[in-house]
């Protein structure tokens, strides 16, 4: 009976070691997959658009009157180079409102 108990404990320990080894391999595989995915994301990000135009419209507003027709009165834009992360050009113009001039 004692020999059976010892064999049972040895078998359980061996099974636990096998499970730990499987878990370690699975963790290594997940980390490797994550690294591949991270590299793919970096490549995708670097192949994005070269330039970006940022526009910020300004309009007329009135708090008291409803309905109020909002009109664009200012039209600024900036062209950004996404690789160098610097401004390439900018544009700015005011627009005369036609509804409430």
C-alpha atoms as a PDB file:
ATOM      1  CA  UNK A   1       0.000   0.000   0.000  1.00  0.00           C
ATOM      2  CA  UNK A   2       2.865   2.367   0.825  1.00  0.00           C
ATOM      3  CA  UNK A   3       4.548   1.544  -2.483  1.00  0.00           C
ATOM      4  CA  UNK A   4       1.293   2.318  -4.333  1.00  0.00           C
ATOM      5  CA  UNK A   5       1.021   5.656  -2.546  1.00  0.00           C
ATOM      6  CA  UNK A   6       4.617   6.542  -3.464  1.00  0.00           C
ATOM      7  CA  UNK A   7       4.017   5.567  -7.107  1.00  0.00           C
ATOM      8  CA  UNK A   8       0.843   7.656  -7.144  1.00  0.00           C
ATOM      9  CA  UNK A   9       2.715  10.701  -5.761  1.00  0.00           C
ATOM     10  CA  UNK A  10       5.521  10.246  -8.309  1.00  0.00           C
ATOM     11  CA  UNK A  11       2.974  10.001 -11.132  1.00  0.00           C
ATOM     12  CA  UNK A  12       1.193  13.157  -9.956  1.00  0.00           C
ATOM     13  CA  UNK A  13       4.481  15.069  -9.727  1.00  0.00           C
ATOM     14  CA  UNK A  14       5.479  13.925 -13.216  1.00  0.00           C
ATOM     15  CA  UNK A  15       2.074  14.994 -14.577  1.00  0.00           C
ATOM     16  CA  UNK A  16       2.420  18.386 -12.861  1.00  0.00           C
ATOM     17  CA  UNK A  17       5.878  18.879 -14.397  1.00  0.00           C
ATOM     18  CA  UNK A  18       4.499  17.984 -17.845  1.00  0.00           C
ATOM     19  CA  UNK A  19       1.650  20.477 -17.368  1.00  0.00           C
ATOM     20  CA  UNK A  20       4.116  23.179 -16.281  1.00  0.00           C
ATOM     21  CA  UNK A  21       6.271  22.515 -19.339  1.00  0.00           C
ATOM     22  CA  UNK A  22       3.192  22.732 -21.598  1.00  0.00           C
ATOM     23  CA  UNK A  23       2.141  25.986 -19.953  1.00  0.00           C
ATOM     24  CA  UNK A  24       5.647  27.426 -20.399  1.00  0.00           C
ATOM     25  CA  UNK A  25       5.677  26.447 -24.098  1.00  0.00           C
ATOM     26  CA  UNK A  26       2.216  27.935 -24.588  1.00  0.00           C
ATOM     27  CA  UNK A  27       3.342  31.194 -22.943  1.00  0.00           C
ATOM     28  CA  UNK A  28       6.444  31.340 -25.174  1.00  0.00           C
ATOM     29  CA  UNK A  29       4.291  30.784 -28.262  1.00  0.00           C
ATOM     30  CA  UNK A  30       1.900  33.563 -27.224  1.00  0.00           C
ATOM     31  CA  UNK A  31       4.800  35.955 -26.649  1.00  0.00           C
ATOM     32  CA  UNK A  32       6.277  35.094 -30.050  1.00  0.00           C
ATOM     33  CA  UNK A  33       2.893  35.698 -31.717  1.00  0.00           C
ATOM     34  CA  UNK A  34       2.595  39.042 -29.925  1.00  0.00           C
ATOM     35  CA  UNK A  35       6.048  40.094 -31.151  1.00  0.00           C
ATOM     36  CA  UNK A  36       5.109  39.209 -34.727  1.00  0.00           C
ATOM     37  CA  UNK A  37       1.854  41.178 -34.396  1.00  0.00           C
ATOM     38  CA  UNK A  38       3.706  44.180 -32.931  1.00  0.00           C
ATOM     39  CA  UNK A  39       6.184  44.149 -35.828  1.00  0.00           C
ATOM     40  CA  UNK A  40       3.287  43.952 -38.309  1.00  0.00           C
ATOM     41  CA  UNK A  41       1.561  46.917 -36.644  1.00  0.00           C
ATOM     42  CA  UNK A  42       4.744  49.012 -36.813  1.00  0.00           C
ATOM     43  CA  UNK A  43       5.122  48.248 -40.523  1.00  0.00           C
ATOM     44  CA  UNK A  44       1.457  49.098 -41.159  1.00  0.00           C
ATOM     45  CA  UNK A  45       1.788  52.388 -39.269  1.00  0.00           C
ATOM     46  CA  UNK A  46       4.873  53.403 -41.225  1.00  0.00           C
ATOM     47  CA  UNK A  47       3.081  52.734 -44.507  1.00  0.00           C
ATOM     48  CA  UNK A  48       0.212  55.115 -43.614  1.00  0.00           C
ATOM     49  CA  UNK A  49      -0.457  58.419 -45.365  1.00  0.00           C
ATOM     50  CA  UNK A  50       2.525  60.691 -45.878  1.00  0.00           C
ATOM     51  CA  UNK A  51       0.586  63.938 -45.361  1.00  0.00           C
ATOM     52  CA  UNK A  52      -2.328  65.017 -43.206  1.00  0.00           C
ATOM     53  CA  UNK A  53      -4.443  68.160 -43.560  1.00  0.00           C
ATOM     54  CA  UNK A  54      -5.865  69.573 -40.330  1.00  0.00           C
ATOM     55  CA  UNK A  55      -8.799  71.946 -40.769  1.00  0.00           C
ATOM     56  CA  UNK A  56     -10.425  74.034 -38.023  1.00  0.00           C
ATOM     57  CA  UNK A  57     -13.571  75.846 -39.158  1.00  0.00           C
ATOM     58  CA  UNK A  58     -14.811  78.782 -37.093  1.00  0.00           C
ATOM     59  CA  UNK A  59     -18.425  79.866 -37.410  1.00  0.00           C
ATOM     60  CA  UNK A  60     -20.887  82.508 -36.269  1.00  0.00           C
ATOM     61  CA  UNK A  61     -22.969  81.712 -33.219  1.00  0.00           C
ATOM     62  CA  UNK A  62     -25.820  83.184 -31.240  1.00  0.00           C
ATOM     63  CA  UNK A  63     -27.087  81.887 -27.916  1.00  0.00           C
ATOM     64  CA  UNK A  64     -30.414  83.736 -27.746  1.00  0.00           C
ATOM     65  CA  UNK A  65     -31.991  83.122 -31.140  1.00  0.00           C
ATOM     66  CA  UNK A  66     -33.333  79.795 -32.451  1.00  0.00           C
ATOM     67  CA  UNK A  67     -33.083  78.561 -35.143  1.00  0.00           C
ATOM     68  CA  UNK A  68     -29.819  80.234 -35.982  1.00  0.00           C
ATOM     69  CA  UNK A  69     -27.993  79.710 -39.265  1.00  0.00           C
ATOM     70  CA  UNK A  70     -24.325  79.119 -38.514  1.00  0.00           C
ATOM     71  CA  UNK A  71     -21.921  80.345 -41.176  1.00  0.00           C
ATOM     72  CA  UNK A  72     -18.239  79.676 -41.636  1.00  0.00           C
ATOM     73  CA  UNK A  73     -16.285  82.865 -40.932  1.00  0.00           C
ATOM     74  CA  UNK A  74     -12.742  81.513 -40.667  1.00  0.00           C
ATOM     75  CA  UNK A  75     -11.059  78.731 -42.621  1.00  0.00           C
ATOM     76  CA  UNK A  76      -7.575  77.747 -41.395  1.00  0.00           C
ATOM     77  CA  UNK A  77      -5.739  74.609 -42.559  1.00  0.00           C
ATOM     78  CA  UNK A  78      -2.322  73.092 -41.863  1.00  0.00           C
ATOM     79  CA  UNK A  79      -0.509  70.492 -43.991  1.00  0.00           C
ATOM     80  CA  UNK A  80       1.546  68.105 -41.831  1.00  0.00           C
ATOM     81  CA  UNK A  81       4.261  65.703 -42.985  1.00  0.00           C
ATOM     82  CA  UNK A  82       3.575  62.537 -40.982  1.00  0.00           C
ATOM     83  CA  UNK A  83       7.111  61.181 -41.420  1.00  0.00           C
ATOM     84  CA  UNK A  84       8.934  64.249 -40.140  1.00  0.00           C
ATOM     85  CA  UNK A  85       5.999  65.336 -37.921  1.00  0.00           C
ATOM     86  CA  UNK A  86       6.433  68.948 -39.025  1.00  0.00           C
ATOM     87  CA  UNK A  87       4.262  71.567 -40.641  1.00  0.00           C
ATOM     88  CA  UNK A  88       4.792  71.770 -44.394  1.00  0.00           C
ATOM     89  CA  UNK A  89       2.398  74.612 -45.258  1.00  0.00           C
ATOM     90  CA  UNK A  90      -0.467  76.520 -43.751  1.00  0.00           C
ATOM     91  CA  UNK A  91      -3.452  78.414 -45.088  1.00  0.00           C
ATOM     92  CA  UNK A  92      -5.722  80.909 -43.365  1.00  0.00           C
ATOM     93  CA  UNK A  93      -8.647  82.916 -44.703  1.00  0.00           C
ATOM     94  CA  UNK A  94     -11.570  84.842 -43.283  1.00  0.00           C
ATOM     95  CA  UNK A  95     -14.969  84.492 -44.931  1.00  0.00           C
ATOM     96  CA  UNK A  96     -17.628  87.200 -44.915  1.00  0.00           C
ATOM     97  CA  UNK A  97     -20.977  85.894 -43.679  1.00  0.00           C
ATOM     98  CA  UNK A  98     -23.856  86.361 -46.129  1.00  0.00           C
ATOM     99  CA  UNK A  99     -26.875  85.841 -43.843  1.00  0.00           C
ATOM    100  CA  UNK A 100     -26.016  88.406 -41.148  1.00  0.00           C
ATOM    101  CA  UNK A 101     -23.412  90.679 -42.656  1.00  0.00           C
END
